[in-house]
N, C-alpha and C. Protein backbone atom coordinates (compact mmCIF):
# COMPACT_ATOMS: atom_id res chain seq x y z
N UNK A 1 0.85 -1.19 0.00
CA UNK A 1 0.00 0.00 0.00
C UNK A 1 0.89 1.24 0.00
N UNK A 2 0.57 2.17 -0.85
CA UNK A 2 1.36 3.38 -0.98
C UNK A 2 1.05 4.31 0.18
N UNK A 3 2.10 4.87 0.76
CA UNK A 3 1.94 5.80 1.87
C UNK A 3 1.62 7.17 1.30
N UNK A 4 0.63 7.81 1.89
CA UNK A 4 0.23 9.13 1.41
C UNK A 4 1.28 10.15 1.82
N UNK A 5 1.54 11.05 0.92
CA UNK A 5 2.57 12.05 1.16
C UNK A 5 2.02 13.13 2.09
N UNK A 6 2.88 13.56 3.03
CA UNK A 6 2.47 14.63 3.94
C UNK A 6 2.39 15.96 3.21
N UNK A 7 3.36 16.21 2.33
CA UNK A 7 3.36 17.45 1.56
C UNK A 7 2.96 17.12 0.13
N UNK A 8 1.98 17.79 -0.40
CA UNK A 8 1.56 17.48 -1.77
C UNK A 8 2.61 17.87 -2.78
N UNK A 9 2.66 17.11 -3.85
CA UNK A 9 3.60 17.40 -4.93
C UNK A 9 2.93 18.34 -5.92
N UNK A 10 3.76 19.00 -6.71
CA UNK A 10 3.26 19.91 -7.74
C UNK A 10 2.85 19.07 -8.94
N UNK A 11 1.62 19.19 -9.38
CA UNK A 11 1.12 18.40 -10.50
C UNK A 11 1.33 19.13 -11.82
N UNK A 12 1.90 18.41 -12.77
CA UNK A 12 2.12 18.93 -14.11
C UNK A 12 1.55 17.91 -15.08
N UNK A 13 0.90 18.38 -16.12
CA UNK A 13 0.22 17.49 -17.06
C UNK A 13 1.17 16.57 -17.82
N UNK A 14 2.19 17.12 -18.46
CA UNK A 14 3.07 16.30 -19.30
C UNK A 14 4.53 16.67 -19.07
N UNK A 15 5.40 15.80 -19.56
CA UNK A 15 6.84 16.06 -19.48
C UNK A 15 7.21 17.29 -20.31
N UNK A 16 6.49 17.51 -21.43
CA UNK A 16 6.75 18.67 -22.27
C UNK A 16 6.47 19.96 -21.51
N UNK A 17 5.44 19.94 -20.66
CA UNK A 17 5.14 21.12 -19.84
C UNK A 17 6.30 21.41 -18.88
N UNK A 18 6.87 20.36 -18.31
CA UNK A 18 8.00 20.55 -17.40
C UNK A 18 9.21 21.14 -18.14
N UNK A 19 9.45 20.64 -19.33
CA UNK A 19 10.56 21.18 -20.13
C UNK A 19 10.31 22.64 -20.51
N UNK A 20 9.06 22.98 -20.83
CA UNK A 20 8.70 24.37 -21.16
C UNK A 20 8.93 25.27 -19.94
N UNK A 21 8.58 24.79 -18.75
CA UNK A 21 8.81 25.57 -17.53
C UNK A 21 10.30 25.80 -17.33
N UNK A 22 11.10 24.75 -17.56
CA UNK A 22 12.55 24.90 -17.42
C UNK A 22 13.10 25.92 -18.43
N UNK A 23 12.63 25.87 -19.69
CA UNK A 23 13.09 26.84 -20.70
C UNK A 23 12.69 28.26 -20.29
N UNK A 24 11.46 28.43 -19.83
CA UNK A 24 11.01 29.76 -19.41
C UNK A 24 11.84 30.28 -18.24
N UNK A 25 12.12 29.43 -17.29
CA UNK A 25 12.93 29.82 -16.13
C UNK A 25 14.34 30.21 -16.58
N UNK A 26 14.89 29.42 -17.49
CA UNK A 26 16.23 29.71 -18.00
C UNK A 26 16.25 31.05 -18.73
N UNK A 27 15.23 31.28 -19.57
CA UNK A 27 15.16 32.54 -20.33
C UNK A 27 15.04 33.73 -19.38
N UNK A 28 14.19 33.64 -18.39
CA UNK A 28 14.01 34.74 -17.43
C UNK A 28 15.29 34.95 -16.63
N UNK A 29 15.93 33.87 -16.23
CA UNK A 29 17.18 33.97 -15.46
C UNK A 29 18.28 34.65 -16.27
N UNK A 30 18.41 34.25 -17.54
CA UNK A 30 19.45 34.85 -18.38
C UNK A 30 19.13 36.31 -18.71
N UNK A 31 17.87 36.63 -18.89
CA UNK A 31 17.48 38.03 -19.13
C UNK A 31 17.81 38.87 -17.90
N UNK A 32 17.53 38.35 -16.75
CA UNK A 32 17.83 39.07 -15.51
C UNK A 32 19.36 39.24 -15.35
N UNK A 33 20.11 38.20 -15.73
CA UNK A 33 21.57 38.28 -15.66
C UNK A 33 22.08 39.39 -16.59
N UNK A 34 21.53 39.43 -17.81
CA UNK A 34 21.94 40.50 -18.74
C UNK A 34 21.63 41.87 -18.17
N UNK A 35 20.45 42.03 -17.60
CA UNK A 35 20.04 43.32 -17.04
C UNK A 35 20.98 43.73 -15.91
N UNK A 36 21.30 42.81 -15.03
CA UNK A 36 22.19 43.13 -13.90
C UNK A 36 23.60 43.47 -14.39
N UNK A 37 24.08 42.67 -15.35
CA UNK A 37 25.44 42.95 -15.86
C UNK A 37 25.51 44.31 -16.55
N UNK A 38 24.49 44.67 -17.33
CA UNK A 38 24.47 45.98 -18.01
C UNK A 38 24.35 47.11 -17.01
N UNK A 39 23.58 46.92 -15.96
CA UNK A 39 23.43 47.99 -14.97
C UNK A 39 24.74 48.24 -14.21
N UNK A 40 25.57 47.23 -14.10
CA UNK A 40 26.86 47.40 -13.41
C UNK A 40 27.99 47.62 -14.41
N UNK A 41 27.66 47.63 -15.70
CA UNK A 41 28.66 47.91 -16.72
C UNK A 41 29.63 46.76 -16.94
N UNK A 42 29.22 45.55 -16.74
CA UNK A 42 30.11 44.39 -16.89
C UNK A 42 29.52 43.39 -17.90
N UNK A 43 29.09 43.83 -19.04
CA UNK A 43 28.46 42.96 -20.04
C UNK A 43 29.43 41.91 -20.56
N UNK A 44 30.70 42.13 -20.53
CA UNK A 44 31.69 41.18 -21.04
C UNK A 44 31.84 39.96 -20.15
N UNK A 45 31.39 40.03 -18.92
CA UNK A 45 31.53 38.91 -17.98
C UNK A 45 30.47 37.84 -18.20
N UNK A 46 29.57 38.04 -19.12
CA UNK A 46 28.48 37.08 -19.33
C UNK A 46 29.04 35.72 -19.73
N UNK A 47 30.04 35.68 -20.59
CA UNK A 47 30.61 34.41 -21.05
C UNK A 47 31.25 33.63 -19.91
N UNK A 48 31.78 34.35 -18.94
CA UNK A 48 32.40 33.70 -17.78
C UNK A 48 31.33 33.14 -16.84
N UNK A 49 30.24 33.89 -16.68
CA UNK A 49 29.18 33.49 -15.74
C UNK A 49 28.19 32.48 -16.33
N UNK A 50 28.10 32.39 -17.63
CA UNK A 50 27.11 31.53 -18.28
C UNK A 50 27.23 30.05 -17.89
N UNK A 51 28.42 29.44 -17.84
CA UNK A 51 28.49 28.04 -17.40
C UNK A 51 28.01 27.85 -15.96
N UNK A 52 28.32 28.81 -15.09
CA UNK A 52 27.87 28.73 -13.71
C UNK A 52 26.34 28.86 -13.62
N UNK A 53 25.79 29.73 -14.45
CA UNK A 53 24.33 29.92 -14.47
C UNK A 53 23.64 28.64 -14.95
N UNK A 54 24.18 28.02 -15.99
CA UNK A 54 23.60 26.78 -16.50
C UNK A 54 23.69 25.66 -15.45
N UNK A 55 24.82 25.61 -14.76
CA UNK A 55 24.98 24.61 -13.71
C UNK A 55 23.97 24.86 -12.59
N UNK A 56 23.78 26.14 -12.22
CA UNK A 56 22.79 26.50 -11.20
C UNK A 56 21.39 26.07 -11.63
N UNK A 57 21.04 26.33 -12.89
CA UNK A 57 19.70 25.97 -13.38
C UNK A 57 19.50 24.45 -13.39
N UNK A 58 20.54 23.69 -13.75
CA UNK A 58 20.45 22.23 -13.71
C UNK A 58 20.27 21.73 -12.28
N UNK A 59 21.01 22.30 -11.36
CA UNK A 59 20.89 21.91 -9.95
C UNK A 59 19.50 22.25 -9.43
N UNK A 60 19.01 23.42 -9.80
CA UNK A 60 17.67 23.83 -9.40
C UNK A 60 16.63 22.85 -9.93
N UNK A 61 16.79 22.43 -11.17
CA UNK A 61 15.87 21.47 -11.78
C UNK A 61 15.95 20.12 -11.06
N UNK A 62 17.16 19.68 -10.74
CA UNK A 62 17.33 18.41 -10.04
C UNK A 62 16.72 18.44 -8.64
N UNK A 63 16.81 19.58 -7.98
CA UNK A 63 16.22 19.73 -6.64
C UNK A 63 14.70 19.74 -6.73
N UNK A 64 14.16 20.38 -7.75
CA UNK A 64 12.70 20.51 -7.88
C UNK A 64 12.05 19.22 -8.36
N UNK A 65 12.74 18.41 -9.14
CA UNK A 65 12.15 17.23 -9.78
C UNK A 65 11.51 16.24 -8.79
N UNK A 66 12.10 15.92 -7.64
CA UNK A 66 11.43 14.99 -6.72
C UNK A 66 10.11 15.51 -6.14
N UNK A 67 9.90 16.81 -6.24
CA UNK A 67 8.67 17.40 -5.71
C UNK A 67 7.58 17.53 -6.77
N UNK A 68 7.78 16.90 -7.93
CA UNK A 68 6.84 16.99 -9.03
C UNK A 68 6.07 15.69 -9.19
N UNK A 69 4.88 15.83 -9.74
CA UNK A 69 4.10 14.68 -10.17
C UNK A 69 3.66 15.00 -11.59
N UNK A 70 4.21 14.26 -12.54
CA UNK A 70 3.92 14.51 -13.95
C UNK A 70 2.96 13.44 -14.43
N UNK A 71 1.77 13.88 -14.88
CA UNK A 71 0.70 12.98 -15.33
C UNK A 71 0.35 11.95 -14.26
N UNK A 72 0.35 12.38 -13.01
CA UNK A 72 -0.05 11.51 -11.92
C UNK A 72 1.04 10.60 -11.39
N UNK A 73 2.18 10.60 -12.02
CA UNK A 73 3.29 9.76 -11.58
C UNK A 73 4.33 10.63 -10.89
N UNK A 74 4.96 10.05 -9.90
CA UNK A 74 6.09 10.76 -9.30
C UNK A 74 7.23 10.72 -10.29
N UNK A 75 8.14 11.65 -10.19
CA UNK A 75 9.23 11.73 -11.15
C UNK A 75 10.30 10.68 -10.87
N UNK A 76 10.13 9.92 -9.79
CA UNK A 76 11.06 8.81 -9.51
C UNK A 76 10.81 7.66 -10.49
N UNK A 77 9.55 7.54 -10.97
CA UNK A 77 9.20 6.50 -11.93
C UNK A 77 9.79 6.85 -13.29
N UNK A 78 10.36 5.87 -13.98
CA UNK A 78 10.90 6.19 -15.31
C UNK A 78 9.77 6.38 -16.32
N UNK A 79 9.97 7.30 -17.26
CA UNK A 79 8.99 7.54 -18.31
C UNK A 79 9.46 6.77 -19.55
N UNK A 80 8.81 5.63 -19.81
CA UNK A 80 9.20 4.81 -20.95
C UNK A 80 8.66 5.40 -22.24
N UNK A 81 7.36 5.33 -22.41
CA UNK A 81 6.75 5.82 -23.64
C UNK A 81 5.52 6.63 -23.25
N UNK A 82 5.59 7.91 -23.47
CA UNK A 82 4.51 8.79 -23.03
C UNK A 82 3.25 8.65 -23.86
N UNK A 83 3.35 8.05 -25.06
CA UNK A 83 2.16 7.90 -25.90
C UNK A 83 1.20 6.85 -25.34
N UNK A 84 1.73 5.87 -24.60
CA UNK A 84 0.90 4.82 -24.03
C UNK A 84 0.25 5.22 -22.71
N UNK A 85 0.62 6.34 -22.17
CA UNK A 85 0.13 6.76 -20.86
C UNK A 85 -1.13 7.60 -21.02
N UNK A 86 -2.17 7.20 -20.25
CA UNK A 86 -3.41 7.97 -20.28
C UNK A 86 -3.23 9.24 -19.44
N UNK A 87 -4.00 10.27 -19.75
CA UNK A 87 -3.93 11.48 -18.91
C UNK A 87 -4.42 11.17 -17.50
N UNK A 88 -3.78 11.76 -16.55
CA UNK A 88 -4.11 11.50 -15.15
C UNK A 88 -5.27 12.39 -14.71
N UNK A 89 -6.20 11.80 -13.98
CA UNK A 89 -7.38 12.52 -13.52
C UNK A 89 -7.17 12.94 -12.07
N UNK A 90 -6.84 14.22 -11.87
CA UNK A 90 -6.58 14.74 -10.52
C UNK A 90 -7.82 14.67 -9.63
N UNK A 91 -8.98 14.96 -10.20
CA UNK A 91 -10.22 14.94 -9.40
C UNK A 91 -10.50 13.53 -8.90
N UNK A 92 -10.30 12.55 -9.75
CA UNK A 92 -10.50 11.16 -9.33
C UNK A 92 -9.49 10.77 -8.25
N UNK A 93 -8.26 11.22 -8.40
CA UNK A 93 -7.24 10.93 -7.40
C UNK A 93 -7.62 11.53 -6.04
N UNK A 94 -8.08 12.79 -6.05
CA UNK A 94 -8.51 13.42 -4.79
C UNK A 94 -9.68 12.67 -4.19
N UNK A 95 -10.61 12.24 -5.03
CA UNK A 95 -11.79 11.50 -4.54
C UNK A 95 -11.36 10.16 -3.92
N UNK A 96 -10.41 9.49 -4.56
CA UNK A 96 -9.92 8.22 -4.02
C UNK A 96 -9.25 8.42 -2.68
N UNK A 97 -8.43 9.47 -2.57
CA UNK A 97 -7.77 9.75 -1.29
C UNK A 97 -8.80 10.14 -0.23
N UNK A 98 -9.82 10.85 -0.62
CA UNK A 98 -10.89 11.23 0.32
C UNK A 98 -11.58 9.99 0.84
N UNK A 99 -11.89 9.07 -0.06
CA UNK A 99 -12.53 7.82 0.37
C UNK A 99 -11.60 7.01 1.27
N UNK A 100 -10.34 7.02 0.95
CA UNK A 100 -9.37 6.30 1.78
C UNK A 100 -9.30 6.91 3.18
N UNK A 101 -9.26 8.24 3.24
CA UNK A 101 -9.25 8.92 4.55
C UNK A 101 -10.52 8.61 5.33
N UNK A 102 -11.66 8.62 4.64
CA UNK A 102 -12.93 8.32 5.29
C UNK A 102 -12.92 6.90 5.83
N UNK A 103 -12.37 5.97 5.07
CA UNK A 103 -12.30 4.57 5.50
C UNK A 103 -11.42 4.46 6.75
N UNK A 104 -10.31 5.17 6.76
CA UNK A 104 -9.44 5.15 7.94
C UNK A 104 -10.15 5.69 9.17
N UNK A 105 -10.95 6.77 8.97
CA UNK A 105 -11.70 7.33 10.10
C UNK A 105 -12.73 6.33 10.62
N UNK A 106 -13.42 5.65 9.70
CA UNK A 106 -14.41 4.65 10.12
C UNK A 106 -13.72 3.48 10.84
N UNK A 107 -12.58 3.04 10.33
CA UNK A 107 -11.85 1.96 10.99
C UNK A 107 -11.43 2.36 12.39
N UNK A 108 -10.98 3.61 12.54
CA UNK A 108 -10.58 4.10 13.86
C UNK A 108 -11.79 4.17 14.79
N UNK A 109 -12.92 4.64 14.27
CA UNK A 109 -14.14 4.74 15.07
C UNK A 109 -14.60 3.35 15.53
N UNK A 110 -14.55 2.38 14.62
CA UNK A 110 -14.95 1.01 14.97
C UNK A 110 -13.99 0.45 16.02
N UNK A 111 -12.71 0.66 15.85
CA UNK A 111 -11.73 0.17 16.82
C UNK A 111 -11.95 0.81 18.19
N UNK A 112 -12.25 2.11 18.21
CA UNK A 112 -12.52 2.78 19.48
C UNK A 112 -13.76 2.20 20.15
N UNK A 113 -14.80 1.95 19.36
CA UNK A 113 -16.03 1.38 19.93
C UNK A 113 -15.79 -0.03 20.43
N UNK A 114 -15.00 -0.80 19.72
CA UNK A 114 -14.70 -2.16 20.18
C UNK A 114 -13.88 -2.14 21.46
N UNK A 115 -13.07 -1.12 21.60
CA UNK A 115 -12.23 -1.01 22.78
C UNK A 115 -13.03 -0.53 23.99
N UNK A 116 -13.94 0.43 23.78
CA UNK A 116 -14.67 1.01 24.91
C UNK A 116 -16.04 0.38 25.12
N UNK A 117 -16.59 -0.24 24.10
CA UNK A 117 -17.95 -0.80 24.19
C UNK A 117 -18.13 -1.84 25.29
N UNK A 118 -17.27 -2.86 25.38
CA UNK A 118 -17.45 -3.85 26.44
C UNK A 118 -17.40 -3.26 27.85
N UNK A 119 -16.51 -2.31 28.07
CA UNK A 119 -16.44 -1.68 29.40
C UNK A 119 -17.72 -0.89 29.69
N UNK A 120 -18.22 -0.17 28.70
CA UNK A 120 -19.46 0.59 28.89
C UNK A 120 -20.62 -0.36 29.18
N UNK A 121 -20.68 -1.46 28.46
CA UNK A 121 -21.75 -2.44 28.67
C UNK A 121 -21.64 -3.07 30.05
N UNK A 122 -20.41 -3.39 30.45
CA UNK A 122 -20.21 -3.95 31.79
C UNK A 122 -20.66 -2.97 32.87
N UNK A 123 -20.31 -1.70 32.71
CA UNK A 123 -20.72 -0.68 33.68
C UNK A 123 -22.24 -0.54 33.72
N UNK A 124 -22.87 -0.57 32.55
CA UNK A 124 -24.33 -0.45 32.47
C UNK A 124 -25.01 -1.61 33.16
N UNK A 125 -24.54 -2.84 32.91
CA UNK A 125 -25.14 -4.02 33.55
C UNK A 125 -24.89 -3.98 35.06
N UNK A 126 -23.70 -3.57 35.47
CA UNK A 126 -23.40 -3.48 36.92
C UNK A 126 -24.31 -2.46 37.60
N UNK A 127 -24.49 -1.30 36.97
CA UNK A 127 -25.38 -0.28 37.54
C UNK A 127 -26.82 -0.79 37.60
N UNK A 128 -27.25 -1.48 36.56
CA UNK A 128 -28.62 -2.01 36.52
C UNK A 128 -28.83 -3.05 37.62
N UNK A 129 -27.85 -3.94 37.79
CA UNK A 129 -27.97 -4.95 38.86
C UNK A 129 -27.94 -4.29 40.24
N UNK A 130 -27.10 -3.29 40.41
CA UNK A 130 -27.05 -2.59 41.70
C UNK A 130 -28.38 -1.89 41.98
N UNK A 131 -28.95 -1.26 40.94
CA UNK A 131 -30.24 -0.59 41.12
C UNK A 131 -31.34 -1.61 41.42
N UNK A 132 -31.32 -2.74 40.73
CA UNK A 132 -32.32 -3.80 40.97
C UNK A 132 -32.19 -4.32 42.40
N UNK A 133 -30.93 -4.53 42.84
CA UNK A 133 -30.70 -5.01 44.20
C UNK A 133 -31.20 -3.98 45.22
N UNK A 134 -30.96 -2.71 44.96
CA UNK A 134 -31.40 -1.65 45.85
C UNK A 134 -32.92 -1.61 45.93
N UNK A 135 -33.60 -1.75 44.78
CA UNK A 135 -35.06 -1.72 44.77
C UNK A 135 -35.64 -2.95 45.47
N UNK A 136 -35.04 -4.10 45.27
CA UNK A 136 -35.55 -5.30 45.95
C UNK A 136 -35.35 -5.19 47.45
N UNK A 137 -34.25 -4.57 47.87
CA UNK A 137 -34.02 -4.33 49.30
C UNK A 137 -35.08 -3.38 49.86
N UNK A 138 -35.42 -2.33 49.08
CA UNK A 138 -36.47 -1.39 49.53
C UNK A 138 -37.82 -2.09 49.63
N UNK A 139 -38.13 -2.99 48.70
CA UNK A 139 -39.41 -3.72 48.74
C UNK A 139 -39.45 -4.60 49.97
N UNK A 140 -38.34 -5.29 50.26
CA UNK A 140 -38.30 -6.14 51.46
C UNK A 140 -38.47 -5.30 52.72
N UNK A 141 -37.86 -4.14 52.76
CA UNK A 141 -38.01 -3.27 53.92
C UNK A 141 -39.46 -2.79 54.05
N UNK A 142 -40.10 -2.50 52.89
CA UNK A 142 -41.49 -2.06 52.91
C UNK A 142 -42.39 -3.19 53.40
N UNK A 143 -42.14 -4.39 52.93
CA UNK A 143 -42.94 -5.55 53.36
C UNK A 143 -42.76 -5.76 54.85
N UNK A 144 -41.52 -5.65 55.31
CA UNK A 144 -41.26 -5.80 56.75
C UNK A 144 -41.98 -4.71 57.54
N UNK A 145 -42.08 -3.49 57.00
CA UNK A 145 -42.75 -2.40 57.71
C UNK A 145 -44.25 -2.67 57.84
N UNK A 146 -44.85 -3.30 56.83
CA UNK A 146 -46.29 -3.58 56.87
C UNK A 146 -46.60 -4.94 57.49
N UNK A 147 -45.60 -5.73 57.77
CA UNK A 147 -45.83 -7.05 58.37
C UNK A 147 -46.43 -6.91 59.76
N UNK A 148 -46.09 -5.88 60.45
CA UNK A 148 -46.61 -5.66 61.80
C UNK A 148 -48.02 -5.10 61.80
N UNK A 149 -48.54 -4.71 60.63
CA UNK A 149 -49.86 -4.09 60.56
C UNK A 149 -50.93 -5.17 60.73
N UNK A 150 -51.89 -4.89 61.56
CA UNK A 150 -53.01 -5.80 61.81
C UNK A 150 -54.06 -5.55 60.74
N UNK A 151 -54.55 -6.61 60.10
CA UNK A 151 -55.57 -6.42 59.07
C UNK A 151 -56.82 -5.71 59.61
N UNK A 152 -57.07 -5.80 60.87
CA UNK A 152 -58.26 -5.16 61.44
C UNK A 152 -58.06 -3.65 61.57
N UNK A 153 -56.81 -3.24 61.46
CA UNK A 153 -56.54 -1.81 61.56
C UNK A 153 -56.78 -1.08 60.24
N UNK A 154 -57.06 -1.84 59.19
CA UNK A 154 -57.27 -1.23 57.88
C UNK A 154 -58.52 -0.38 57.94
N UNK A 155 -58.45 0.73 57.34
CA UNK A 155 -59.53 1.70 57.36
C UNK A 155 -60.81 1.09 56.81
N UNK A 156 -61.93 1.43 57.40
CA UNK A 156 -63.22 0.91 56.96
C UNK A 156 -63.54 1.34 55.54
N UNK A 157 -63.19 2.53 55.19
CA UNK A 157 -63.46 3.03 53.83
C UNK A 157 -62.70 2.22 52.79
N UNK A 158 -61.48 1.89 53.09
CA UNK A 158 -60.68 1.06 52.20
C UNK A 158 -61.30 -0.33 52.06
N UNK A 159 -61.80 -0.87 53.15
CA UNK A 159 -62.44 -2.18 53.13
C UNK A 159 -63.68 -2.15 52.24
N UNK A 160 -64.49 -1.10 52.35
CA UNK A 160 -65.70 -1.00 51.52
C UNK A 160 -65.34 -0.88 50.03
N UNK A 161 -64.32 -0.11 49.73
CA UNK A 161 -63.88 0.03 48.34
C UNK A 161 -63.43 -1.30 47.79
N UNK A 162 -62.70 -2.06 48.56
CA UNK A 162 -62.23 -3.36 48.15
C UNK A 162 -63.39 -4.32 47.93
N UNK A 163 -64.34 -4.32 48.82
CA UNK A 163 -65.51 -5.21 48.68
C UNK A 163 -66.34 -4.83 47.44
N UNK A 164 -66.50 -3.54 47.17
CA UNK A 164 -67.23 -3.10 45.97
C UNK A 164 -66.50 -3.55 44.69
N UNK A 165 -65.18 -3.43 44.67
CA UNK A 165 -64.42 -3.86 43.50
C UNK A 165 -64.55 -5.36 43.29
N UNK A 166 -64.54 -6.12 44.38
CA UNK A 166 -64.67 -7.57 44.26
C UNK A 166 -66.07 -7.94 43.78
N UNK A 167 -67.06 -7.24 44.26
CA UNK A 167 -68.44 -7.55 43.83
C UNK A 167 -68.66 -7.18 42.36
N UNK A 168 -67.93 -6.22 41.85
CA UNK A 168 -68.08 -5.81 40.44
C UNK A 168 -67.27 -6.69 39.49
N UNK A 169 -66.39 -7.54 39.97
CA UNK A 169 -65.53 -8.33 39.10
C UNK A 169 -66.30 -9.24 38.15
N UNK A 170 -67.42 -9.90 38.54
CA UNK A 170 -68.14 -10.71 37.54
C UNK A 170 -68.70 -9.83 36.41
N UNK A 171 -69.18 -8.63 36.75
CA UNK A 171 -69.70 -7.74 35.72
C UNK A 171 -68.56 -7.28 34.78
N UNK A 172 -67.40 -6.99 35.35
CA UNK A 172 -66.25 -6.59 34.53
C UNK A 172 -65.83 -7.72 33.60
N UNK A 173 -65.87 -8.96 34.08
CA UNK A 173 -65.52 -10.10 33.22
C UNK A 173 -66.49 -10.23 32.07
N UNK A 174 -67.77 -10.01 32.37
CA UNK A 174 -68.79 -10.11 31.33
C UNK A 174 -68.60 -9.01 30.27
N UNK A 175 -68.26 -7.79 30.67
CA UNK A 175 -68.04 -6.70 29.74
C UNK A 175 -66.80 -6.99 28.88
N UNK A 176 -65.76 -7.50 29.51
CA UNK A 176 -64.53 -7.84 28.76
C UNK A 176 -64.82 -8.94 27.75
N UNK A 177 -65.64 -9.93 28.14
CA UNK A 177 -65.97 -11.02 27.24
C UNK A 177 -66.77 -10.52 26.04
N UNK A 178 -67.75 -9.62 26.30
CA UNK A 178 -68.58 -9.08 25.21
C UNK A 178 -67.74 -8.22 24.24
N UNK A 179 -66.86 -7.42 24.78
CA UNK A 179 -66.06 -6.56 23.89
C UNK A 179 -65.06 -7.39 23.07
N UNK A 180 -64.54 -8.46 23.63
CA UNK A 180 -63.62 -9.30 22.85
C UNK A 180 -64.36 -10.10 21.79
N UNK A 181 -65.60 -10.51 22.07
CA UNK A 181 -66.37 -11.26 21.06
C UNK A 181 -66.80 -10.35 19.92
N UNK A 182 -67.04 -9.05 20.20
CA UNK A 182 -67.40 -8.10 19.14
C UNK A 182 -66.19 -7.86 18.21
N UNK A 183 -65.00 -7.89 18.76
CA UNK A 183 -63.80 -7.66 17.97
C UNK A 183 -63.56 -8.82 17.00
N UNK A 184 -63.86 -10.05 17.44
CA UNK A 184 -63.64 -11.23 16.61
C UNK A 184 -64.72 -11.41 15.57
N UNK A 185 -65.84 -10.73 15.73
CA UNK A 185 -66.96 -10.91 14.78
C UNK A 185 -66.78 -10.11 13.54
């Protein structure tokens, strides 16, 4: 798998474009050299400085070349036959890298969830069991509190309400039976 570059390379369409850039840079550099030499009155020194200028431009080109991507290829790759090479689609390349980055983010998210999920689930189950145990303890305490209560001490009004509810239970059963039979019809 190719490692993504931290610093993006300069994209150039073709090798001819790179050569054109080099020619333009050389022409501008030599024009500037002529201007500087004429301004200082040393036009005759151009022949002496020209080999050094050419060497400087070659060195500059050699330094810049590793930072280039020509037709989607790094300049470290040899260019055999440029006619067989399809044009490189920069937009597609950016889209592919975007998808790759998104996949890495999803993988990291899944790994984080797998790492923290079991602990969270364990904590949730532990809290639930502790709460259930606490509630069952409260129910037992409540039952113990009412265990000492004498049934005869129950309020008369409560007793009458209970007896009325019990006496109405056959009627309630009959109503429930009728409503369920209407639903099935």
